[in-house]
Amino acid sequence: MIDPIVQVIISRRKLSKLTRQQMADIAGMSLKTYQRIERGESDMKMSQYRSILRTLNLTDLDVALDVKEIQPFTNADLVAAARLLSPEAQALLVRFIMNVSK
């Protein structure tokens, strides 16, 4: 199975109407290397990931949000998001969840 981050990269490349060759050229890697990344045959180095994001004009947040469209949210995602809230907002969130679950 292909990693969800790679799925996002493939989807965004296609939306940008870039071929694999164009993507590899602009990102500064060989076509063979890029094809291996897309097929899930090779793990990306962080430098390759950054080059791909620059090529597609994406941020880490763009990728993370796109991944969430591919994968369902988990309890851990909710907990992580709740940590960003103030204590007052956390209390409101808990009350909301309790009311919705009744």
PDB file of N, CA and C in Angstrom:
ATOM      1  N   MET A   1       0.832  -1.182   0.000  1.00  0.00           N
ATOM      2  CA  MET A   1       0.000   0.000   0.000  1.00  0.00           C
ATOM      3  C   MET A   1       0.880   1.251   0.000  1.00  0.00           C
ATOM      4  N   ILE A   2       0.486   2.224  -0.784  1.00  0.00           N
ATOM      5  CA  ILE A   2       1.275   3.449  -0.897  1.00  0.00           C
ATOM      6  C   ILE A   2       0.971   4.365   0.284  1.00  0.00           C
ATOM      7  N   ASP A   3       2.005   4.961   0.827  1.00  0.00           N
ATOM      8  CA  ASP A   3       1.890   5.876   1.957  1.00  0.00           C
ATOM      9  C   ASP A   3       0.942   7.025   1.614  1.00  0.00           C
ATOM     10  N   PRO A   4       0.106   7.436   2.568  1.00  0.00           N
ATOM     11  CA  PRO A   4      -0.829   8.541   2.304  1.00  0.00           C
ATOM     12  C   PRO A   4      -0.150   9.839   1.868  1.00  0.00           C
ATOM     13  N   ILE A   5       1.043  10.117   2.375  1.00  0.00           N
ATOM     14  CA  ILE A   5       1.762  11.328   1.946  1.00  0.00           C
ATOM     15  C   ILE A   5       2.109  11.232   0.470  1.00  0.00           C
ATOM     16  N   VAL A   6       2.524  10.063   0.028  1.00  0.00           N
ATOM     17  CA  VAL A   6       2.841   9.859  -1.390  1.00  0.00           C
ATOM     18  C   VAL A   6       1.563   9.977  -2.225  1.00  0.00           C
ATOM     19  N   GLN A   7       0.456   9.476  -1.714  1.00  0.00           N
ATOM     20  CA  GLN A   7      -0.817   9.615  -2.424  1.00  0.00           C
ATOM     21  C   GLN A   7      -1.159  11.094  -2.628  1.00  0.00           C
ATOM     22  N   VAL A   8      -0.920  11.901  -1.599  1.00  0.00           N
ATOM     23  CA  VAL A   8      -1.160  13.343  -1.715  1.00  0.00           C
ATOM     24  C   VAL A   8      -0.245  13.947  -2.777  1.00  0.00           C
ATOM     25  N   ILE A   9       1.016  13.571  -2.758  1.00  0.00           N
ATOM     26  CA  ILE A   9       1.971  14.105  -3.736  1.00  0.00           C
ATOM     27  C   ILE A   9       1.533  13.753  -5.159  1.00  0.00           C
ATOM     28  N   ILE A  10       1.130  12.518  -5.370  1.00  0.00           N
ATOM     29  CA  ILE A  10       0.679  12.089  -6.699  1.00  0.00           C
ATOM     30  C   ILE A  10      -0.537  12.908  -7.120  1.00  0.00           C
ATOM     31  N   SER A  11      -1.486  13.043  -6.218  1.00  0.00           N
ATOM     32  CA  SER A  11      -2.707  13.789  -6.516  1.00  0.00           C
ATOM     33  C   SER A  11      -2.401  15.244  -6.846  1.00  0.00           C
ATOM     34  N   ARG A  12      -1.562  15.858  -6.047  1.00  0.00           N
ATOM     35  CA  ARG A  12      -1.214  17.268  -6.279  1.00  0.00           C
ATOM     36  C   ARG A  12      -0.389  17.444  -7.554  1.00  0.00           C
ATOM     37  N   ARG A  13       0.470  16.476  -7.853  1.00  0.00           N
ATOM     38  CA  ARG A  13       1.238  16.557  -9.110  1.00  0.00           C
ATOM     39  C   ARG A  13       0.290  16.535 -10.289  1.00  0.00           C
ATOM     40  N   LYS A  14      -0.683  15.631 -10.243  1.00  0.00           N
ATOM     41  CA  LYS A  14      -1.648  15.530 -11.336  1.00  0.00           C
ATOM     42  C   LYS A  14      -2.492  16.793 -11.447  1.00  0.00           C
ATOM     43  N   LEU A  15      -2.893  17.356 -10.304  1.00  0.00           N
ATOM     44  CA  LEU A  15      -3.651  18.613 -10.330  1.00  0.00           C
ATOM     45  C   LEU A  15      -2.837  19.747 -10.948  1.00  0.00           C
ATOM     46  N   SER A  16      -1.538  19.694 -10.739  1.00  0.00           N
ATOM     47  CA  SER A  16      -0.637  20.711 -11.312  1.00  0.00           C
ATOM     48  C   SER A  16      -0.308  20.434 -12.768  1.00  0.00           C
ATOM     49  N   LYS A  17      -0.818  19.311 -13.274  1.00  0.00           N
ATOM     50  CA  LYS A  17      -0.590  18.901 -14.673  1.00  0.00           C
ATOM     51  C   LYS A  17       0.896  18.752 -14.997  1.00  0.00           C
ATOM     52  N   LEU A  18       1.632  18.215 -14.028  1.00  0.00           N
ATOM     53  CA  LEU A  18       3.045  17.932 -14.239  1.00  0.00           C
ATOM     54  C   LEU A  18       3.221  16.449 -14.513  1.00  0.00           C
ATOM     55  N   THR A  19       4.073  16.126 -15.465  1.00  0.00           N
ATOM     56  CA  THR A  19       4.424  14.732 -15.693  1.00  0.00           C
ATOM     57  C   THR A  19       5.425  14.315 -14.618  1.00  0.00           C
ATOM     58  N   ARG A  20       5.665  13.026 -14.511  1.00  0.00           N
ATOM     59  CA  ARG A  20       6.681  12.558 -13.569  1.00  0.00           C
ATOM     60  C   ARG A  20       8.052  13.110 -13.946  1.00  0.00           C
ATOM     61  N   GLN A  21       8.330  13.157 -15.231  1.00  0.00           N
ATOM     62  CA  GLN A  21       9.615  13.691 -15.688  1.00  0.00           C
ATOM     63  C   GLN A  21       9.768  15.155 -15.304  1.00  0.00           C
ATOM     64  N   GLN A  22       8.727  15.954 -15.529  1.00  0.00           N
ATOM     65  CA  GLN A  22       8.792  17.372 -15.163  1.00  0.00           C
ATOM     66  C   GLN A  22       8.980  17.528 -13.653  1.00  0.00           C
ATOM     67  N   MET A  23       8.247  16.737 -12.907  1.00  0.00           N
ATOM     68  CA  MET A  23       8.339  16.788 -11.456  1.00  0.00           C
ATOM     69  C   MET A  23       9.760  16.474 -10.991  1.00  0.00           C
ATOM     70  N   ALA A  24      10.312  15.399 -11.525  1.00  0.00           N
ATOM     71  CA  ALA A  24      11.675  14.994 -11.161  1.00  0.00           C
ATOM     72  C   ALA A  24      12.672  16.081 -11.531  1.00  0.00           C
ATOM     73  N   ASP A  25      12.551  16.631 -12.727  1.00  0.00           N
ATOM     74  CA  ASP A  25      13.482  17.670 -13.173  1.00  0.00           C
ATOM     75  C   ASP A  25      13.435  18.896 -12.266  1.00  0.00           C
ATOM     76  N   ILE A  26      12.223  19.387 -11.989  1.00  0.00           N
ATOM     77  CA  ILE A  26      12.085  20.595 -11.179  1.00  0.00           C
ATOM     78  C   ILE A  26      12.530  20.336  -9.739  1.00  0.00           C
ATOM     79  N   ALA A  27      12.240  19.147  -9.226  1.00  0.00           N
ATOM     80  CA  ALA A  27      12.614  18.807  -7.847  1.00  0.00           C
ATOM     81  C   ALA A  27      14.090  18.438  -7.714  1.00  0.00           C
ATOM     82  N   GLY A  28      14.779  18.280  -8.844  1.00  0.00           N
ATOM     83  CA  GLY A  28      16.214  18.012  -8.795  1.00  0.00           C
ATOM     84  C   GLY A  28      16.583  16.578  -8.489  1.00  0.00           C
ATOM     85  N   MET A  29      15.800  15.642  -9.028  1.00  0.00           N
ATOM     86  CA  MET A  29      16.127  14.227  -8.839  1.00  0.00           C
ATOM     87  C   MET A  29      15.932  13.496 -10.149  1.00  0.00           C
ATOM     88  N   SER A  30      16.435  12.299 -10.219  1.00  0.00           N
ATOM     89  CA  SER A  30      16.272  11.527 -11.449  1.00  0.00           C
ATOM     90  C   SER A  30      14.830  11.042 -11.568  1.00  0.00           C
ATOM     91  N   LEU A  31      14.415  10.785 -12.798  1.00  0.00           N
ATOM     92  CA  LEU A  31      13.077  10.247 -13.036  1.00  0.00           C
ATOM     93  C   LEU A  31      12.926   8.917 -12.318  1.00  0.00           C
ATOM     94  N   LYS A  32      13.942   8.083 -12.373  1.00  0.00           N
ATOM     95  CA  LYS A  32      13.887   6.765 -11.739  1.00  0.00           C
ATOM     96  C   LYS A  32      13.646   6.883 -10.230  1.00  0.00           C
ATOM     97  N   THR A  33      14.347   7.809  -9.598  1.00  0.00           N
ATOM     98  CA  THR A  33      14.165   8.029  -8.157  1.00  0.00           C
ATOM     99  C   THR A  33      12.749   8.483  -7.865  1.00  0.00           C
ATOM    100  N   TYR A  34      12.258   9.439  -8.654  1.00  0.00           N
ATOM    101  CA  TYR A  34      10.908   9.941  -8.417  1.00  0.00           C
ATOM    102  C   TYR A  34       9.865   8.844  -8.642  1.00  0.00           C
ATOM    103  N   GLN A  35      10.050   8.049  -9.680  1.00  0.00           N
ATOM    104  CA  GLN A  35       9.109   6.951  -9.943  1.00  0.00           C
ATOM    105  C   GLN A  35       9.093   5.959  -8.782  1.00  0.00           C
ATOM    106  N   ARG A  36      10.254   5.673  -8.225  1.00  0.00           N
ATOM    107  CA  ARG A  36      10.324   4.747  -7.078  1.00  0.00           C
ATOM    108  C   ARG A  36       9.574   5.305  -5.874  1.00  0.00           C
ATOM    109  N   ILE A  37       9.676   6.610  -5.664  1.00  0.00           N
ATOM    110  CA  ILE A  37       8.944   7.248  -4.562  1.00  0.00           C
ATOM    111  C   ILE A  37       7.443   7.107  -4.797  1.00  0.00           C
ATOM    112  N   GLU A  38       6.985   7.427  -6.005  1.00  0.00           N
ATOM    113  CA  GLU A  38       5.553   7.343  -6.299  1.00  0.00           C
ATOM    114  C   GLU A  38       5.013   5.917  -6.203  1.00  0.00           C
ATOM    115  N   ARG A  39       5.817   4.951  -6.578  1.00  0.00           N
ATOM    116  CA  ARG A  39       5.362   3.559  -6.517  1.00  0.00           C
ATOM    117  C   ARG A  39       5.496   2.960  -5.120  1.00  0.00           C
ATOM    118  N   GLY A  40       6.093   3.718  -4.204  1.00  0.00           N
ATOM    119  CA  GLY A  40       6.266   3.225  -2.843  1.00  0.00           C
ATOM    120  C   GLY A  40       7.408   2.233  -2.712  1.00  0.00           C
ATOM    121  N   GLU A  41       8.301   2.227  -3.689  1.00  0.00           N
ATOM    122  CA  GLU A  41       9.435   1.300  -3.669  1.00  0.00           C
ATOM    123  C   GLU A  41      10.634   1.865  -2.927  1.00  0.00           C
ATOM    124  N   SER A  42      10.587   3.167  -2.668  1.00  0.00           N
ATOM    125  CA  SER A  42      11.711   3.821  -1.999  1.00  0.00           C
ATOM    126  C   SER A  42      11.159   4.874  -1.046  1.00  0.00           C
ATOM    127  N   ASP A  43      11.708   4.900   0.148  1.00  0.00           N
ATOM    128  CA  ASP A  43      11.320   5.943   1.093  1.00  0.00           C
ATOM    129  C   ASP A  43      11.971   7.254   0.683  1.00  0.00           C
ATOM    130  N   MET A  44      11.236   8.340   0.876  1.00  0.00           N
ATOM    131  CA  MET A  44      11.772   9.663   0.568  1.00  0.00           C
ATOM    132  C   MET A  44      12.725  10.121   1.645  1.00  0.00           C
ATOM    133  N   LYS A  45      13.789  10.756   1.222  1.00  0.00           N
ATOM    134  CA  LYS A  45      14.647  11.473   2.158  1.00  0.00           C
ATOM    135  C   LYS A  45      13.938  12.789   2.459  1.00  0.00           C
ATOM    136  N   MET A  46      14.249  13.377   3.586  1.00  0.00           N
ATOM    137  CA  MET A  46      13.635  14.653   3.947  1.00  0.00           C
ATOM    138  C   MET A  46      13.948  15.719   2.895  1.00  0.00           C
ATOM    139  N   SER A  47      15.143  15.710   2.357  1.00  0.00           N
ATOM    140  CA  SER A  47      15.508  16.699   1.341  1.00  0.00           C
ATOM    141  C   SER A  47      14.665  16.512   0.072  1.00  0.00           C
ATOM    142  N   GLN A  48      14.365  15.272  -0.275  1.00  0.00           N
ATOM    143  CA  GLN A  48      13.509  15.012  -1.437  1.00  0.00           C
ATOM    144  C   GLN A  48      12.083  15.483  -1.170  1.00  0.00           C
ATOM    145  N   TYR A  49      11.598  15.209   0.026  1.00  0.00           N
ATOM    146  CA  TYR A  49      10.257  15.656   0.419  1.00  0.00           C
ATOM    147  C   TYR A  49      10.159  17.177   0.312  1.00  0.00           C
ATOM    148  N   ARG A  50      11.155  17.877   0.843  1.00  0.00           N
ATOM    149  CA  ARG A  50      11.157  19.347   0.790  1.00  0.00           C
ATOM    150  C   ARG A  50      11.205  19.850  -0.658  1.00  0.00           C
ATOM    151  N   SER A  51      12.010  19.216  -1.495  1.00  0.00           N
ATOM    152  CA  SER A  51      12.089  19.612  -2.907  1.00  0.00           C
ATOM    153  C   SER A  51      10.756  19.402  -3.617  1.00  0.00           C
ATOM    154  N   ILE A  52      10.109  18.301  -3.308  1.00  0.00           N
ATOM    155  CA  ILE A  52       8.805  18.008  -3.916  1.00  0.00           C
ATOM    156  C   ILE A  52       7.777  19.045  -3.468  1.00  0.00           C
ATOM    157  N   LEU A  53       7.776  19.377  -2.174  1.00  0.00           N
ATOM    158  CA  LEU A  53       6.833  20.392  -1.692  1.00  0.00           C
ATOM    159  C   LEU A  53       7.082  21.738  -2.349  1.00  0.00           C
ATOM    160  N   ARG A  54       8.352  22.123  -2.482  1.00  0.00           N
ATOM    161  CA  ARG A  54       8.665  23.391  -3.157  1.00  0.00           C
ATOM    162  C   ARG A  54       8.187  23.366  -4.601  1.00  0.00           C
ATOM    163  N   THR A  55       8.398  22.247  -5.270  1.00  0.00           N
ATOM    164  CA  THR A  55       7.984  22.112  -6.663  1.00  0.00           C
ATOM    165  C   THR A  55       6.475  22.280  -6.815  1.00  0.00           C
ATOM    166  N   LEU A  56       5.734  21.712  -5.876  1.00  0.00           N
ATOM    167  CA  LEU A  56       4.273  21.775  -5.936  1.00  0.00           C
ATOM    168  C   LEU A  56       3.712  22.995  -5.217  1.00  0.00           C
ATOM    169  N   ASN A  57       4.595  23.814  -4.653  1.00  0.00           N
ATOM    170  CA  ASN A  57       4.189  25.011  -3.916  1.00  0.00           C
ATOM    171  C   ASN A  57       3.250  24.643  -2.764  1.00  0.00           C
ATOM    172  N   LEU A  58       3.651  23.635  -1.998  1.00  0.00           N
ATOM    173  CA  LEU A  58       2.855  23.141  -0.878  1.00  0.00           C
ATOM    174  C   LEU A  58       3.595  23.354   0.435  1.00  0.00           C
ATOM    175  N   THR A  59       2.831  23.366   1.511  1.00  0.00           N
ATOM    176  CA  THR A  59       3.406  23.402   2.853  1.00  0.00           C
ATOM    177  C   THR A  59       3.154  22.053   3.524  1.00  0.00           C
ATOM    178  N   ASP A  60       3.798  21.849   4.650  1.00  0.00           N
ATOM    179  CA  ASP A  60       3.533  20.642   5.433  1.00  0.00           C
ATOM    180  C   ASP A  60       2.063  20.587   5.841  1.00  0.00           C
ATOM    181  N   LEU A  61       1.498  21.745   6.148  1.00  0.00           N
ATOM    182  CA  LEU A  61       0.096  21.790   6.551  1.00  0.00           C
ATOM    183  C   LEU A  61      -0.816  21.365   5.401  1.00  0.00           C
ATOM    184  N   ASP A  62      -0.509  21.808   4.182  1.00  0.00           N
ATOM    185  CA  ASP A  62      -1.297  21.374   3.019  1.00  0.00           C
ATOM    186  C   ASP A  62      -1.309  19.850   2.929  1.00  0.00           C
ATOM    187  N   VAL A  63      -0.147  19.259   3.075  1.00  0.00           N
ATOM    188  CA  VAL A  63      -0.033  17.803   2.980  1.00  0.00           C
ATOM    189  C   VAL A  63      -0.820  17.139   4.106  1.00  0.00           C
ATOM    190  N   ALA A  64      -0.654  17.649   5.323  1.00  0.00           N
ATOM    191  CA  ALA A  64      -1.353  17.061   6.472  1.00  0.00           C
ATOM    192  C   ALA A  64      -2.866  17.129   6.285  1.00  0.00           C
ATOM    193  N   LEU A  65      -3.358  18.257   5.811  1.00  0.00           N
ATOM    194  CA  LEU A  65      -4.802  18.392   5.601  1.00  0.00           C
ATOM    195  C   LEU A  65      -5.288  17.470   4.490  1.00  0.00           C
ATOM    196  N   ASP A  66      -4.501  17.346   3.433  1.00  0.00           N
ATOM    197  CA  ASP A  66      -4.871  16.427   2.356  1.00  0.00           C
ATOM    198  C   ASP A  66      -4.857  14.979   2.837  1.00  0.00           C
ATOM    199  N   VAL A  67      -3.903  14.623   3.671  1.00  0.00           N
ATOM    200  CA  VAL A  67      -3.837  13.258   4.204  1.00  0.00           C
ATOM    201  C   VAL A  67      -5.102  12.953   4.991  1.00  0.00           C
ATOM    202  N   LYS A  68      -5.592  13.925   5.739  1.00  0.00           N
ATOM    203  CA  LYS A  68      -6.793  13.691   6.538  1.00  0.00           C
ATOM    204  C   LYS A  68      -8.010  13.449   5.645  1.00  0.00           C
ATOM    205  N   GLU A  69      -7.977  13.916   4.416  1.00  0.00           N
ATOM    206  CA  GLU A  69      -9.059  13.614   3.480  1.00  0.00           C
ATOM    207  C   GLU A  69      -8.975  12.165   3.019  1.00  0.00           C
ATOM    208  N   ILE A  70      -7.780  11.588   3.079  1.00  0.00           N
ATOM    209  CA  ILE A  70      -7.570  10.204   2.658  1.00  0.00           C
ATOM    210  C   ILE A  70      -7.847   9.255   3.818  1.00  0.00           C
ATOM    211  N   GLN A  71      -7.392   9.620   5.005  1.00  0.00           N
ATOM    212  CA  GLN A  71      -7.531   8.765   6.178  1.00  0.00           C
ATOM    213  C   GLN A  71      -8.577   9.359   7.112  1.00  0.00           C
ATOM    214  N   PRO A  72      -9.366   8.515   7.762  1.00  0.00           N
ATOM    215  CA  PRO A  72     -10.323   9.044   8.738  1.00  0.00           C
ATOM    216  C   PRO A  72      -9.592   9.594   9.966  1.00  0.00           C
ATOM    217  N   PHE A  73     -10.233  10.550  10.638  1.00  0.00           N
ATOM    218  CA  PHE A  73      -9.660  11.087  11.867  1.00  0.00           C
ATOM    219  C   PHE A  73      -9.668  10.016  12.945  1.00  0.00           C
ATOM    220  N   THR A  74      -8.667  10.028  13.775  1.00  0.00           N
ATOM    221  CA  THR A  74      -8.566   9.057  14.865  1.00  0.00           C
ATOM    222  C   THR A  74      -8.754   9.785  16.198  1.00  0.00           C
ATOM    223  N   ASN A  75      -8.921   9.029  17.255  1.00  0.00           N
ATOM    224  CA  ASN A  75      -9.001   9.617  18.597  1.00  0.00           C
ATOM    225  C   ASN A  75      -7.742  10.419  18.908  1.00  0.00           C
ATOM    226  N   ALA A  76      -6.603   9.914  18.456  1.00  0.00           N
ATOM    227  CA  ALA A  76      -5.335  10.612  18.706  1.00  0.00           C
ATOM    228  C   ALA A  76      -5.315  11.973  18.007  1.00  0.00           C
ATOM    229  N   ASP A  77      -5.921  12.064  16.826  1.00  0.00           N
ATOM    230  CA  ASP A  77      -6.000  13.348  16.125  1.00  0.00           C
ATOM    231  C   ASP A  77      -6.805  14.354  16.950  1.00  0.00           C
ATOM    232  N   LEU A  78      -7.927  13.894  17.491  1.00  0.00           N
ATOM    233  CA  LEU A  78      -8.774  14.768  18.297  1.00  0.00           C
ATOM    234  C   LEU A  78      -8.034  15.238  19.545  1.00  0.00           C
ATOM    235  N   VAL A  79      -7.342  14.323  20.203  1.00  0.00           N
ATOM    236  CA  VAL A  79      -6.584  14.681  21.402  1.00  0.00           C
ATOM    237  C   VAL A  79      -5.495  15.694  21.049  1.00  0.00           C
ATOM    238  N   ALA A  80      -4.794  15.470  19.950  1.00  0.00           N
ATOM    239  CA  ALA A  80      -3.724  16.387  19.537  1.00  0.00           C
ATOM    240  C   ALA A  80      -4.286  17.773  19.234  1.00  0.00           C
ATOM    241  N   ALA A  81      -5.418  17.828  18.552  1.00  0.00           N
ATOM    242  CA  ALA A  81      -6.036  19.117  18.238  1.00  0.00           C
ATOM    243  C   ALA A  81      -6.515  19.817  19.508  1.00  0.00           C
ATOM    244  N   ALA A  82      -7.077  19.059  20.438  1.00  0.00           N
ATOM    245  CA  ALA A  82      -7.584  19.642  21.686  1.00  0.00           C
ATOM    246  C   ALA A  82      -6.462  20.258  22.516  1.00  0.00           C
ATOM    247  N   ARG A  83      -5.255  19.716  22.415  1.00  0.00           N
ATOM    248  CA  ARG A  83      -4.124  20.265  23.170  1.00  0.00           C
ATOM    249  C   ARG A  83      -3.814  21.704  22.767  1.00  0.00           C
ATOM    250  N   LEU A  84      -4.202  22.076  21.563  1.00  0.00           N
ATOM    251  CA  LEU A  84      -3.937  23.425  21.076  1.00  0.00           C
ATOM    252  C   LEU A  84      -4.905  24.453  21.657  1.00  0.00           C
ATOM    253  N   LEU A  85      -5.999  23.982  22.230  1.00  0.00           N
ATOM    254  CA  LEU A  85      -7.034  24.870  22.754  1.00  0.00           C
ATOM    255  C   LEU A  85      -6.683  25.362  24.153  1.00  0.00           C
ATOM    256  N   SER A  86      -7.263  26.501  24.502  1.00  0.00           N
ATOM    257  CA  SER A  86      -7.116  27.003  25.871  1.00  0.00           C
ATOM    258  C   SER A  86      -7.883  26.073  26.812  1.00  0.00           C
ATOM    259  N   PRO A  87      -7.584  26.130  28.100  1.00  0.00           N
ATOM    260  CA  PRO A  87      -8.339  25.290  29.048  1.00  0.00           C
ATOM    261  C   PRO A  87      -9.856  25.535  28.979  1.00  0.00           C
ATOM    262  N   GLU A  88     -10.239  26.779  28.780  1.00  0.00           N
ATOM    263  CA  GLU A  88     -11.665  27.093  28.689  1.00  0.00           C
ATOM    264  C   GLU A  88     -12.283  26.439  27.448  1.00  0.00           C
ATOM    265  N   ALA A  89     -11.581  26.518  26.327  1.00  0.00           N
ATOM    266  CA  ALA A  89     -12.078  25.909  25.095  1.00  0.00           C
ATOM    267  C   ALA A  89     -12.109  24.395  25.214  1.00  0.00           C
ATOM    268  N   GLN A  90     -11.136  23.820  25.911  1.00  0.00           N
ATOM    269  CA  GLN A  90     -11.135  22.368  26.131  1.00  0.00           C
ATOM    270  C   GLN A  90     -12.366  21.950  26.920  1.00  0.00           C
ATOM    271  N   ALA A  91     -12.701  22.728  27.955  1.00  0.00           N
ATOM    272  CA  ALA A  91     -13.881  22.418  28.763  1.00  0.00           C
ATOM    273  C   ALA A  91     -15.147  22.510  27.915  1.00  0.00           C
ATOM    274  N   LEU A  92     -15.238  23.514  27.064  1.00  0.00           N
ATOM    275  CA  LEU A  92     -16.398  23.652  26.173  1.00  0.00           C
ATOM    276  C   LEU A  92     -16.485  22.466  25.216  1.00  0.00           C
ATOM    277  N   LEU A  93     -15.343  22.047  24.708  1.00  0.00           N
ATOM    278  CA  LEU A  93     -15.313  20.911  23.785  1.00  0.00           C
ATOM    279  C   LEU A  93     -15.811  19.639  24.475  1.00  0.00           C
ATOM    280  N   VAL A  94     -15.359  19.407  25.694  1.00  0.00           N
ATOM    281  CA  VAL A  94     -15.795  18.223  26.439  1.00  0.00           C
ATOM    282  C   VAL A  94     -17.307  18.276  26.666  1.00  0.00           C
ATOM    283  N   ARG A  95     -17.823  19.435  27.068  1.00  0.00           N
ATOM    284  CA  ARG A  95     -19.271  19.567  27.281  1.00  0.00           C
ATOM    285  C   ARG A  95     -20.034  19.321  25.976  1.00  0.00           C
ATOM    286  N   PHE A  96     -19.514  19.855  24.884  1.00  0.00           N
ATOM    287  CA  PHE A  96     -20.153  19.650  23.585  1.00  0.00           C
ATOM    288  C   PHE A  96     -20.209  18.166  23.224  1.00  0.00           C
ATOM    289  N   ILE A  97     -19.089  17.487  23.372  1.00  0.00           N
ATOM    290  CA  ILE A  97     -19.034  16.050  23.049  1.00  0.00           C
ATOM    291  C   ILE A  97     -19.998  15.268  23.940  1.00  0.00           C
ATOM    292  N   MET A  98     -20.042  15.621  25.207  1.00  0.00           N
ATOM    293  CA  MET A  98     -20.948  14.929  26.127  1.00  0.00           C
ATOM    294  C   MET A  98     -22.407  15.141  25.721  1.00  0.00           C
ATOM    295  N   ASN A  99     -22.745  16.341  25.301  1.00  0.00           N
ATOM    296  CA  ASN A  99     -24.121  16.626  24.878  1.00  0.00           C
ATOM    297  C   ASN A  99     -24.474  15.929  23.565  1.00  0.00           C
ATOM    298  N   VAL A 100     -23.540  15.894  22.650  1.00  0.00           N
ATOM    299  CA  VAL A 100     -23.788  15.255  21.352  1.00  0.00           C
ATOM    300  C   VAL A 100     -23.946  13.747  21.515  1.00  0.00           C
ATOM    301  N   SER A 101     -23.213  13.172  22.437  1.00  0.00           N
ATOM    302  CA  SER A 101     -23.231  11.714  22.591  1.00  0.00           C
ATOM    303  C   SER A 101     -24.434  11.200  23.381  1.00  0.00           C
ATOM    304  N   LYS A 102     -25.257  12.096  23.907  1.00  0.00           N
ATOM    305  CA  LYS A 102     -26.439  11.673  24.690  1.00  0.00           C
ATOM    306  C   LYS A 102     -27.508  11.095  23.795  1.00  0.00           C
TER     307      LYS A 102
END
